[in-house]
Amino acid sequence: MKNPNEKIVTIIGGSGFIGRYITRQFAKAGYRVRVAVRRPDLAGFLQPSGGVGQVFPIQCNIRYKDSVENAVKGSDIVINLAGILDERSKQTFAKVNVEGAEYVAQMAAKHNIATLIHFSTLNAAPKSDKEAPYDFFNSNYDGEQKVKAAFANAIIVRPSLVFGPEDRLFNVIAKFAKIKRFIAPIFSDLTKQSQPIHVFDIAKAVFIMAEGGHQGKTFDLGGTVKMTMLEIAQNTLHAINRDIKIIHVPAFIAKPFGSVCTMLPYSWITRGEMVLHNVDNLVSDEAINAGNTLVGLGIEGRNCNEAIMQYLQHFRPEGDYGVHVLKPEVKE
């Protein structure tokens, strides 16, 4: 058996929000980490995650099979994080979430990769109309099926909403609250529930899966607490010392606003995020019964309300040096 420092893990999409934490997790354990991304020149910030030469970005475009093959060959573990919430130009659901996922699985099988971990989403479901274009959820479902067909022992990961220092959940609400000052606009159904999971816990879970004994399983990963979008907004305002009104933005305003934002390079909120936040993102009973959850992996999820205090402080009226003032929690 190889020692960790003799193993190579390839993380496709490793420079993204979740990928950077998985990169650090494996680097800390001594693995050699390939970060396979479209723009390796923009992924250099990950190199200090390990020792000299331990973390190295390489070029990979998941839409091209040859590019994927060059990235995965010689690896011991492949983790595919490449997926899109919104279609832009050539980055379509069909090309990335379905065909790209299949390419990774095919190349992993061809080169006898020991472990393949593929990221999907909760609520992945087949098309109701086979002739209809792909959306986020059914493209992820078909991507899962392609992966399983090409690599039978692939591990599928379906996370709930993920939070952490660079998230686009609590941070986005806090940004809007800071700009508007008197209102916090929410672009999703305030009654929808999720189980926010810390990105550190995602990274730890993936590492445990990769260490063995979980081949062929599908994991639903969510935090220990169920929260509505209203509660997420309330907890955000509580963390940033802003006692302002939460406003639900109606769909006829939210949709065009999201469409415009999606076209911007650094968007406030995108159409895909609105879709994701307008459904319940809960761990299934099937996964709970099978033990294919965070708890089943022996991980005690981080407390969401405590964690956000650490990285939302600069949104307080007094800035980074503002002392948090405990306020009574807002009730519905």
Foldseek 3Di string as FASTA:
>chain_A
DDQQLVAEEEEEVLQDDLNLLLLLLSQVSNHQYEDEYQDQVVRPVSCVSHPVNSYGYDYADLLDLVRLLVRPAPHQEYEYPWADLDDDDPRDLCRTLASSLLSNLQSCVVRVHNAYEYEAAPQQDDDPDPPDDDHRRPSNVNSVVSNCVSHVFYEYEHEWQEDAQPHLQLVLQLVQCLVVVAEREDAEDQAAKIAYFYSNLVSVLVVLVSVDDRTNYYAYEGAPDIHGSNRSSLLSCLLQVRDHYYHYDDPVVSVVLQPVQQPDPHGSHHPSNRVSNHHHRYGDPVNVVVLRYSVSSVHHTDDPSVRVSVNSHQSHPVGVPDDRDHDDGDDD
